[in-house]
Amino acid sequence: MRRTPWKVLAMVGLGALAAVWIGLTAASAAEDRKPERIVCLSGSLTETVVALGLGDELVGVDLSSLRPAEVVRKLPRLGSPRAVPLESVLNVGPTVVIAYDDLEPRETVPQLQSLGIRTILLPRHRTVESARLKFLAIADGLGVPERGRALVAEIDRDLAWPEGKPEPDKPVRALFVQTMGSGPLMIGGDATSATSLLEAAHVANAVSGFEGYRPFNVEAMMAVNPEAVVILKRALDRVGGIDGLAAMPGLAETEAVRQRRIVVSDDAAFLGLGPGVGRAVRELREAMYGR
């Protein structure tokens, strides 16, 4: 029997943020506010500031801030997202620092505040709902609440199930696969941003019973038998593309491979829960259900 050539069902999240950034920048009226000098200490926070139309107020970012490239490549890099030296932040003269509340060293935030530098601290929750609240909090803290509400409204439109389209009787069971640096392939379990995005797209995580990520296990994959695989682009590149993934022991025998149901995702869209989260969910839903 002639086998159907491999083809990727979707490239979820790739280019998803450009329209958000451009649309909100153009559509939002300029609020009566004094420009800030903003430091962002996480990639998703930097993306959010740009999506709110305030990219020109950024004066420094951390090493995880890679997008949008045309903005961040001109900015000083101040350190890793969880270990930023106080001196490097002070050197760029910020009026406000935006970070997650687990920023290290722990004394950095109190020291910034003692020097009169405002801080906007966000909890590092890994759900789509927490991402919506994060966008609103940043917008409020920067004096552009209307832009925050516009951004969330656009995300909500992408998250909503299409009107008039029936929801599936049973969700597709998908395996989420990523890689961390040069380490092994990892599968996502409970309490991860990936699981939250899968659920928002009406897709069930094929694995459960553990939180976070675990190394790929051949026997476990054969027992789980996922109906689809959602894999980050960098992980797919590591295994030699779609053909390499399909040939991996443990996956070659699964329903996902037999049905050619492979969805490739942009890394930042799935892990960062930045402003492209709505479009990433919509594209995943469309790849799985065609709607």
Foldseek 3Di string as FASTA:
>chain_A
DDDDDFDALEAFLVVLLPCLLVVLLVPDDDDPDDQWQEEELAQQVLSLCSSNNNLVNYAEYAPRNCPPVVRHVVHHHQYHSQDGDLVSVVVSPGQEYEHECNHPPNCSVVVCVVVNRHYQYAHPAQALVSLLVVSQSVCVVRVNNVSSVVLSVVLVVLLDDDPPDDDDPAAFAEWEWEDDPPDAIKTAEPRANLQNLCVSLSHHHLDYDDHGIDHDDQVVLLVSQGLAYEYEPVNCVVQPHPVSVCPDRNNVPGNHSVVSHYHYYHPCQRHVSHSSVSSSSNRVSCSRPVD
